[in-house]
Amino acid sequence: MDKQYTIVLKRSEGQYVALCLELMVVGCGDTKEEAMATIKDAICSYLDATEEGMEATRPVPLEILHDFLKDEEEEPYIMPKMKILAYG
């Protein structure tokens, strides 16, 4: 199965943090590339852990998104939808 997800990437407290808006999954790293690699792994792990027939999405509530976006060191960047290949 392959799907596309929206990722918000921001720099916070010396590292990059990535948030998947559709799944409420987070990844981080010292560089943008590391943060994107960890969010991809987190998304795949989440999708692998969902049981067959379970709803795989759990959108980020607005209050959590608001907290995530405040106090950033740089302007947050919303990545174009990225395709994640998940096997399961």
PDB file of N, CA and C in Angstrom:
ATOM      1  N   MET A   1       0.858  -1.159   0.000  1.00  0.00           N
ATOM      2  CA  MET A   1       0.000   0.000   0.000  1.00  0.00           C
ATOM      3  C   MET A   1       0.909   1.228   0.000  1.00  0.00           C
ATOM      4  N   ASP A   2       0.568   2.209  -0.794  1.00  0.00           N
ATOM      5  CA  ASP A   2       1.293   3.468  -0.721  1.00  0.00           C
ATOM      6  C   ASP A   2       0.293   4.601  -0.664  1.00  0.00           C
ATOM      7  N   LYS A   3       0.541   5.529   0.245  1.00  0.00           N
ATOM      8  CA  LYS A   3      -0.335   6.677   0.463  1.00  0.00           C
ATOM      9  C   LYS A   3       0.536   7.919   0.529  1.00  0.00           C
ATOM     10  N   GLN A   4      -0.100   9.067   0.451  1.00  0.00           N
ATOM     11  CA  GLN A   4       0.610  10.321   0.584  1.00  0.00           C
ATOM     12  C   GLN A   4       0.185  11.014   1.867  1.00  0.00           C
ATOM     13  N   TYR A   5       1.159  11.628   2.543  1.00  0.00           N
ATOM     14  CA  TYR A   5       0.919  12.282   3.821  1.00  0.00           C
ATOM     15  C   TYR A   5       1.489  13.692   3.806  1.00  0.00           C
ATOM     16  N   THR A   6       0.882  14.567   4.604  1.00  0.00           N
ATOM     17  CA  THR A   6       1.340  15.944   4.739  1.00  0.00           C
ATOM     18  C   THR A   6       2.236  16.044   5.968  1.00  0.00           C
ATOM     19  N   ILE A   7       3.438  16.599   5.776  1.00  0.00           N
ATOM     20  CA  ILE A   7       4.415  16.729   6.852  1.00  0.00           C
ATOM     21  C   ILE A   7       4.703  18.214   7.079  1.00  0.00           C
ATOM     22  N   VAL A   8       4.678  18.643   8.354  1.00  0.00           N
ATOM     23  CA  VAL A   8       5.096  19.992   8.724  1.00  0.00           C
ATOM     24  C   VAL A   8       6.459  19.833   9.386  1.00  0.00           C
ATOM     25  N   LEU A   9       7.433  20.597   8.888  1.00  0.00           N
ATOM     26  CA  LEU A   9       8.807  20.513   9.379  1.00  0.00           C
ATOM     27  C   LEU A   9       9.182  21.850   9.996  1.00  0.00           C
ATOM     28  N   LYS A  10       9.734  21.822  11.223  1.00  0.00           N
ATOM     29  CA  LYS A  10      10.158  23.063  11.862  1.00  0.00           C
ATOM     30  C   LYS A  10      11.419  22.810  12.679  1.00  0.00           C
ATOM     31  N   ARG A  11      12.133  23.884  12.953  1.00  0.00           N
ATOM     32  CA  ARG A  11      13.322  23.812  13.802  1.00  0.00           C
ATOM     33  C   ARG A  11      12.906  24.274  15.191  1.00  0.00           C
ATOM     34  N   SER A  12      13.261  23.477  16.183  1.00  0.00           N
ATOM     35  CA  SER A  12      12.874  23.783  17.556  1.00  0.00           C
ATOM     36  C   SER A  12      13.951  23.276  18.499  1.00  0.00           C
ATOM     37  N   GLU A  13      14.423  24.156  19.365  1.00  0.00           N
ATOM     38  CA  GLU A  13      15.413  23.803  20.384  1.00  0.00           C
ATOM     39  C   GLU A  13      16.611  23.072  19.788  1.00  0.00           C
ATOM     40  N   GLY A  14      17.118  23.574  18.666  1.00  0.00           N
ATOM     41  CA  GLY A  14      18.349  23.045  18.081  1.00  0.00           C
ATOM     42  C   GLY A  14      18.207  21.815  17.212  1.00  0.00           C
ATOM     43  N   GLN A  15      16.990  21.350  16.994  1.00  0.00           N
ATOM     44  CA  GLN A  15      16.803  20.192  16.116  1.00  0.00           C
ATOM     45  C   GLN A  15      15.597  20.421  15.213  1.00  0.00           C
ATOM     46  N   TYR A  16      15.471  19.592  14.204  1.00  0.00           N
ATOM     47  CA  TYR A  16      14.321  19.659  13.307  1.00  0.00           C
ATOM     48  C   TYR A  16      13.281  18.644  13.761  1.00  0.00           C
ATOM     49  N   VAL A  17      12.031  19.068  13.733  1.00  0.00           N
ATOM     50  CA  VAL A  17      10.920  18.212  14.148  1.00  0.00           C
ATOM     51  C   VAL A  17       9.927  18.143  12.991  1.00  0.00           C
ATOM     52  N   ALA A  18       9.485  16.924  12.670  1.00  0.00           N
ATOM     53  CA  ALA A  18       8.523  16.709  11.588  1.00  0.00           C
ATOM     54  C   ALA A  18       7.259  16.105  12.178  1.00  0.00           C
ATOM     55  N   LEU A  19       6.107  16.619  11.754  1.00  0.00           N
ATOM     56  CA  LEU A  19       4.809  16.151  12.235  1.00  0.00           C
ATOM     57  C   LEU A  19       3.959  15.745  11.044  1.00  0.00           C
ATOM     58  N   CYS A  20       3.433  14.525  11.062  1.00  0.00           N
ATOM     59  CA  CYS A  20       2.517  14.050  10.025  1.00  0.00           C
ATOM     60  C   CYS A  20       1.105  14.450  10.444  1.00  0.00           C
ATOM     61  N   LEU A  21       0.472  15.302   9.631  1.00  0.00           N
ATOM     62  CA  LEU A  21      -0.848  15.822  10.003  1.00  0.00           C
ATOM     63  C   LEU A  21      -1.941  14.763   9.970  1.00  0.00           C
ATOM     64  N   GLU A  22      -1.838  13.799   9.093  1.00  0.00           N
ATOM     65  CA  GLU A  22      -2.892  12.787   8.980  1.00  0.00           C
ATOM     66  C   GLU A  22      -2.824  11.724  10.074  1.00  0.00           C
ATOM     67  N   LEU A  23      -1.625  11.446  10.590  1.00  0.00           N
ATOM     68  CA  LEU A  23      -1.473  10.332  11.532  1.00  0.00           C
ATOM     69  C   LEU A  23      -1.057  10.748  12.933  1.00  0.00           C
ATOM     70  N   MET A  24      -0.735  12.042  13.136  1.00  0.00           N
ATOM     71  CA  MET A  24      -0.262  12.527  14.430  1.00  0.00           C
ATOM     72  C   MET A  24       0.972  11.740  14.883  1.00  0.00           C
ATOM     73  N   VAL A  25       1.904  11.569  13.955  1.00  0.00           N
ATOM     74  CA  VAL A  25       3.165  10.881  14.206  1.00  0.00           C
ATOM     75  C   VAL A  25       4.274  11.914  14.068  1.00  0.00           C
ATOM     76  N   VAL A  26       5.320  11.811  14.909  1.00  0.00           N
ATOM     77  CA  VAL A  26       6.400  12.789  14.936  1.00  0.00           C
ATOM     78  C   VAL A  26       7.743  12.106  14.714  1.00  0.00           C
ATOM     79  N   GLY A  27       8.651  12.833  14.043  1.00  0.00           N
ATOM     80  CA  GLY A  27      10.040  12.412  13.894  1.00  0.00           C
ATOM     81  C   GLY A  27      10.927  13.614  14.134  1.00  0.00           C
ATOM     82  N   CYS A  28      12.205  13.385  14.438  1.00  0.00           N
ATOM     83  CA  CYS A  28      13.109  14.513  14.646  1.00  0.00           C
ATOM     84  C   CYS A  28      14.523  14.117  14.261  1.00  0.00           C
ATOM     85  N   GLY A  29      15.383  15.127  14.119  1.00  0.00           N
ATOM     86  CA  GLY A  29      16.774  14.883  13.786  1.00  0.00           C
ATOM     87  C   GLY A  29      17.566  16.179  13.811  1.00  0.00           C
ATOM     88  N   ASP A  30      18.880  16.045  13.730  1.00  0.00           N
ATOM     89  CA  ASP A  30      19.749  17.216  13.740  1.00  0.00           C
ATOM     90  C   ASP A  30      19.679  17.995  12.432  1.00  0.00           C
ATOM     91  N   THR A  31      19.278  17.323  11.349  1.00  0.00           N
ATOM     92  CA  THR A  31      19.140  17.970  10.048  1.00  0.00           C
ATOM     93  C   THR A  31      17.731  17.729   9.525  1.00  0.00           C
ATOM     94  N   LYS A  32      17.354  18.498   8.496  1.00  0.00           N
ATOM     95  CA  LYS A  32      16.042  18.280   7.876  1.00  0.00           C
ATOM     96  C   LYS A  32      15.952  16.862   7.326  1.00  0.00           C
ATOM     97  N   GLU A  33      17.041  16.389   6.722  1.00  0.00           N
ATOM     98  CA  GLU A  33      17.049  15.043   6.132  1.00  0.00           C
ATOM     99  C   GLU A  33      16.859  13.971   7.198  1.00  0.00           C
ATOM    100  N   GLU A  34      17.518  14.135   8.358  1.00  0.00           N
ATOM    101  CA  GLU A  34      17.337  13.166   9.449  1.00  0.00           C
ATOM    102  C   GLU A  34      15.901  13.185   9.966  1.00  0.00           C
ATOM    103  N   ALA A  35      15.330  14.380  10.097  1.00  0.00           N
ATOM    104  CA  ALA A  35      13.941  14.484  10.568  1.00  0.00           C
ATOM    105  C   ALA A  35      12.991  13.814   9.587  1.00  0.00           C
ATOM    106  N   MET A  36      13.226  13.997   8.291  1.00  0.00           N
ATOM    107  CA  MET A  36      12.362  13.376   7.287  1.00  0.00           C
ATOM    108  C   MET A  36      12.537  11.854   7.296  1.00  0.00           C
ATOM    109  N   ALA A  37      13.756  11.381   7.490  1.00  0.00           N
ATOM    110  CA  ALA A  37      13.979   9.929   7.557  1.00  0.00           C
ATOM    111  C   ALA A  37      13.281   9.326   8.768  1.00  0.00           C
ATOM    112  N   THR A  38      13.336  10.014   9.928  1.00  0.00           N
ATOM    113  CA  THR A  38      12.701   9.455  11.124  1.00  0.00           C
ATOM    114  C   THR A  38      11.177   9.513  11.030  1.00  0.00           C
ATOM    115  N   ILE A  39      10.629  10.554  10.364  1.00  0.00           N
ATOM    116  CA  ILE A  39       9.161  10.599  10.217  1.00  0.00           C
ATOM    117  C   ILE A  39       8.698   9.496   9.277  1.00  0.00           C
ATOM    118  N   LYS A  40       9.465   9.219   8.236  1.00  0.00           N
ATOM    119  CA  LYS A  40       9.101   8.117   7.331  1.00  0.00           C
ATOM    120  C   LYS A  40       9.105   6.790   8.088  1.00  0.00           C
ATOM    121  N   ASP A  41      10.140   6.573   8.909  1.00  0.00           N
ATOM    122  CA  ASP A  41      10.192   5.348   9.717  1.00  0.00           C
ATOM    123  C   ASP A  41       9.021   5.280  10.691  1.00  0.00           C
ATOM    124  N   ALA A  42       8.700   6.428  11.318  1.00  0.00           N
ATOM    125  CA  ALA A  42       7.596   6.456  12.288  1.00  0.00           C
ATOM    126  C   ALA A  42       6.261   6.165  11.613  1.00  0.00           C
ATOM    127  N   ILE A  43       6.061   6.720  10.424  1.00  0.00           N
ATOM    128  CA  ILE A  43       4.815   6.469   9.688  1.00  0.00           C
ATOM    129  C   ILE A  43       4.711   4.994   9.334  1.00  0.00           C
ATOM    130  N   CYS A  44       5.793   4.427   8.818  1.00  0.00           N
ATOM    131  CA  CYS A  44       5.774   3.003   8.450  1.00  0.00           C
ATOM    132  C   CYS A  44       5.531   2.126   9.672  1.00  0.00           C
ATOM    133  N   SER A  45       6.174   2.456  10.795  1.00  0.00           N
ATOM    134  CA  SER A  45       5.972   1.687  12.032  1.00  0.00           C
ATOM    135  C   SER A  45       4.527   1.781  12.500  1.00  0.00           C
ATOM    136  N   TYR A  46       3.957   2.986  12.439  1.00  0.00           N
ATOM    137  CA  TYR A  46       2.565   3.172  12.847  1.00  0.00           C
ATOM    138  C   TYR A  46       1.635   2.354  11.962  1.00  0.00           C
ATOM    139  N   LEU A  47       1.855   2.430  10.640  1.00  0.00           N
ATOM    140  CA  LEU A  47       0.993   1.698   9.718  1.00  0.00           C
ATOM    141  C   LEU A  47       1.158   0.187   9.882  1.00  0.00           C
ATOM    142  N   ASP A  48       2.376  -0.268  10.144  1.00  0.00           N
ATOM    143  CA  ASP A  48       2.607  -1.698  10.384  1.00  0.00           C
ATOM    144  C   ASP A  48       1.896  -2.172  11.649  1.00  0.00           C
ATOM    145  N   ALA A  49       1.779  -1.277  12.643  1.00  0.00           N
ATOM    146  CA  ALA A  49       1.186  -1.653  13.926  1.00  0.00           C
ATOM    147  C   ALA A  49      -0.339  -1.617  13.913  1.00  0.00           C
ATOM    148  N   THR A  50      -0.928  -0.937  12.940  1.00  0.00           N
ATOM    149  CA  THR A  50      -2.390  -0.900  12.905  1.00  0.00           C
ATOM    150  C   THR A  50      -2.924  -2.251  12.449  1.00  0.00           C
ATOM    151  N   GLU A  51      -3.934  -2.688  13.111  1.00  0.00           N
ATOM    152  CA  GLU A  51      -4.520  -3.977  12.788  1.00  0.00           C
ATOM    153  C   GLU A  51      -5.382  -3.869  11.534  1.00  0.00           C
ATOM    154  N   GLU A  52      -5.480  -4.966  10.835  1.00  0.00           N
ATOM    155  CA  GLU A  52      -6.302  -4.995   9.625  1.00  0.00           C
ATOM    156  C   GLU A  52      -7.724  -4.578   9.970  1.00  0.00           C
ATOM    157  N   GLY A  53      -8.272  -3.689   9.165  1.00  0.00           N
ATOM    158  CA  GLY A  53      -9.625  -3.208   9.391  1.00  0.00           C
ATOM    159  C   GLY A  53      -9.699  -1.984  10.283  1.00  0.00           C
ATOM    160  N   MET A  54      -8.582  -1.641  10.966  1.00  0.00           N
ATOM    161  CA  MET A  54      -8.561  -0.441  11.809  1.00  0.00           C
ATOM    162  C   MET A  54      -8.420   0.803  10.951  1.00  0.00           C
ATOM    163  N   GLU A  55      -8.990   1.880  11.390  1.00  0.00           N
ATOM    164  CA  GLU A  55      -8.804   3.169  10.727  1.00  0.00           C
ATOM    165  C   GLU A  55      -7.358   3.602  10.944  1.00  0.00           C
ATOM    166  N   ALA A  56      -6.640   3.864   9.863  1.00  0.00           N
ATOM    167  CA  ALA A  56      -5.214   4.193   9.951  1.00  0.00           C
ATOM    168  C   ALA A  56      -4.958   5.675  10.153  1.00  0.00           C
ATOM    169  N   THR A  57      -5.972   6.505  10.094  1.00  0.00           N
ATOM    170  CA  THR A  57      -5.736   7.940  10.262  1.00  0.00           C
ATOM    171  C   THR A  57      -6.266   8.415  11.605  1.00  0.00           C
ATOM    172  N   ARG A  58      -5.587   9.362  12.146  1.00  0.00           N
ATOM    173  CA  ARG A  58      -6.012  10.044  13.376  1.00  0.00           C
ATOM    174  C   ARG A  58      -5.489  11.470  13.269  1.00  0.00           C
ATOM    175  N   PRO A  59      -6.226  12.330  12.582  1.00  0.00           N
ATOM    176  CA  PRO A  59      -5.747  13.683  12.293  1.00  0.00           C
ATOM    177  C   PRO A  59      -5.346  14.454  13.547  1.00  0.00           C
ATOM    178  N   VAL A  60      -4.360  15.315  13.397  1.00  0.00           N
ATOM    179  CA  VAL A  60      -3.872  16.129  14.498  1.00  0.00           C
ATOM    180  C   VAL A  60      -4.951  17.139  14.901  1.00  0.00           C
ATOM    181  N   PRO A  61      -5.347  17.148  16.169  1.00  0.00           N
ATOM    182  CA  PRO A  61      -6.306  18.154  16.630  1.00  0.00           C
ATOM    183  C   PRO A  61      -5.697  19.557  16.500  1.00  0.00           C
ATOM    184  N   LEU A  62      -6.525  20.546  16.246  1.00  0.00           N
ATOM    185  CA  LEU A  62      -6.044  21.906  16.024  1.00  0.00           C
ATOM    186  C   LEU A  62      -5.230  22.462  17.187  1.00  0.00           C
ATOM    187  N   GLU A  63      -5.610  22.143  18.423  1.00  0.00           N
ATOM    188  CA  GLU A  63      -4.853  22.679  19.560  1.00  0.00           C
ATOM    189  C   GLU A  63      -3.433  22.102  19.616  1.00  0.00           C
ATOM    190  N   ILE A  64      -3.270  20.848  19.232  1.00  0.00           N
ATOM    191  CA  ILE A  64      -1.929  20.254  19.188  1.00  0.00           C
ATOM    192  C   ILE A  64      -1.123  20.872  18.048  1.00  0.00           C
ATOM    193  N   LEU A  65      -1.749  21.079  16.894  1.00  0.00           N
ATOM    194  CA  LEU A  65      -1.064  21.724  15.779  1.00  0.00           C
ATOM    195  C   LEU A  65      -0.647  23.145  16.161  1.00  0.00           C
ATOM    196  N   HIS A  66      -1.515  23.867  16.842  1.00  0.00           N
ATOM    197  CA  HIS A  66      -1.191  25.222  17.287  1.00  0.00           C
ATOM    198  C   HIS A  66       0.026  25.205  18.204  1.00  0.00           C
ATOM    199  N   ASP A  67       0.047  24.304  19.187  1.00  0.00           N
ATOM    200  CA  ASP A  67       1.187  24.195  20.101  1.00  0.00           C
ATOM    201  C   ASP A  67       2.460  23.813  19.349  1.00  0.00           C
ATOM    202  N   PHE A  68       2.346  22.933  18.375  1.00  0.00           N
ATOM    203  CA  PHE A  68       3.504  22.501  17.589  1.00  0.00           C
ATOM    204  C   PHE A  68       4.099  23.672  16.811  1.00  0.00           C
ATOM    205  N   LEU A  69       3.245  24.529  16.273  1.00  0.00           N
ATOM    206  CA  LEU A  69       3.715  25.607  15.406  1.00  0.00           C
ATOM    207  C   LEU A  69       4.218  26.841  16.162  1.00  0.00           C
ATOM    208  N   LYS A  70       3.880  26.991  17.430  1.00  0.00           N
ATOM    209  CA  LYS A  70       4.327  28.182  18.145  1.00  0.00           C
ATOM    210  C   LYS A  70       5.763  28.001  18.635  1.00  0.00           C
ATOM    211  N   ASP A  71       6.402  29.111  18.927  1.00  0.00           N
ATOM    212  CA  ASP A  71       7.762  29.127  19.467  1.00  0.00           C
ATOM    213  C   ASP A  71       8.792  28.448  18.582  1.00  0.00           C
ATOM    214  N   GLU A  72       8.630  28.564  17.269  1.00  0.00           N
ATOM    215  CA  GLU A  72       9.590  27.968  16.367  1.00  0.00           C
ATOM    216  C   GLU A  72      10.795  28.883  16.180  1.00  0.00           C
ATOM    217  N   GLU A  73      11.959  28.293  15.881  1.00  0.00           N
ATOM    218  CA  GLU A  73      13.165  29.061  15.623  1.00  0.00           C
ATOM    219  C   GLU A  73      13.189  29.577  14.190  1.00  0.00           C
ATOM    220  N   GLU A  74      12.542  28.868  13.304  1.00  0.00           N
ATOM    221  CA  GLU A  74      12.430  29.263  11.904  1.00  0.00           C
ATOM    222  C   GLU A  74      10.966  29.138  11.514  1.00  0.00           C
ATOM    223  N   GLU A  75      10.614  29.718  10.385  1.00  0.00           N
ATOM    224  CA  GLU A  75       9.253  29.583   9.864  1.00  0.00           C
ATOM    225  C   GLU A  75       8.982  28.106   9.554  1.00  0.00           C
ATOM    226  N   PRO A  76       7.880  27.530  10.048  1.00  0.00           N
ATOM    227  CA  PRO A  76       7.564  26.133   9.722  1.00  0.00           C
ATOM    228  C   PRO A  76       7.389  25.967   8.212  1.00  0.00           C
ATOM    229  N   TYR A  77       7.721  24.796   7.723  1.00  0.00           N
ATOM    230  CA  TYR A  77       7.611  24.505   6.303  1.00  0.00           C
ATOM    231  C   TYR A  77       6.692  23.308   6.130  1.00  0.00           C
ATOM    232  N   ILE A  78       5.623  23.477   5.362  1.00  0.00           N
ATOM    233  CA  ILE A  78       4.721  22.368   5.080  1.00  0.00           C
ATOM    234  C   ILE A  78       5.227  21.693   3.816  1.00  0.00           C
ATOM    235  N   MET A  79       5.663  20.445   3.966  1.00  0.00           N
ATOM    236  CA  MET A  79       6.217  19.687   2.855  1.00  0.00           C
ATOM    237  C   MET A  79       5.088  19.320   1.892  1.00  0.00           C
ATOM    238  N   PRO A  80       5.415  19.231   0.594  1.00  0.00           N
ATOM    239  CA  PRO A  80       4.412  18.684  -0.326  1.00  0.00           C
ATOM    240  C   PRO A  80       4.076  17.263   0.130  1.00  0.00           C
ATOM    241  N   LYS A  81       2.898  16.806  -0.214  1.00  0.00           N
ATOM    242  CA  LYS A  81       2.536  15.441   0.190  1.00  0.00           C
ATOM    243  C   LYS A  81       3.619  14.490  -0.270  1.00  0.00           C
ATOM    244  N   MET A  82       4.027  13.578   0.617  1.00  0.00           N
ATOM    245  CA  MET A  82       5.041  12.601   0.237  1.00  0.00           C
ATOM    246  C   MET A  82       4.447  11.217   0.276  1.00  0.00           C
ATOM    247  N   LYS A  83       4.891  10.403  -0.638  1.00  0.00           N
ATOM    248  CA  LYS A  83       4.388   9.040  -0.739  1.00  0.00           C
ATOM    249  C   LYS A  83       5.174   8.143   0.198  1.00  0.00           C
ATOM    250  N   ILE A  84       4.486   7.355   0.985  1.00  0.00           N
ATOM    251  CA  ILE A  84       5.086   6.406   1.910  1.00  0.00           C
ATOM    252  C   ILE A  84       4.669   5.015   1.459  1.00  0.00           C
ATOM    253  N   LEU A  85       5.632   4.169   1.253  1.00  0.00           N
ATOM    254  CA  LEU A  85       5.335   2.779   0.910  1.00  0.00           C
ATOM    255  C   LEU A  85       5.302   1.990   2.205  1.00  0.00           C
ATOM    256  N   ALA A  86       4.197   1.350   2.471  1.00  0.00           N
ATOM    257  CA  ALA A  86       4.062   0.563   3.685  1.00  0.00           C
ATOM    258  C   ALA A  86       3.647  -0.848   3.306  1.00  0.00           C
ATOM    259  N   TYR A  87       4.208  -1.770   3.981  1.00  0.00           N
ATOM    260  CA  TYR A  87       3.904  -3.172   3.718  1.00  0.00           C
ATOM    261  C   TYR A  87       3.253  -3.748   4.957  1.00  0.00           C
ATOM    262  N   GLY A  88       2.206  -4.480   4.762  1.00  0.00           N
ATOM    263  CA  GLY A  88       1.592  -5.024   5.946  1.00  0.00           C
ATOM    264  C   GLY A  88       0.366  -5.796   5.697  1.00  0.00           C
TER     265      GLY A  88
END
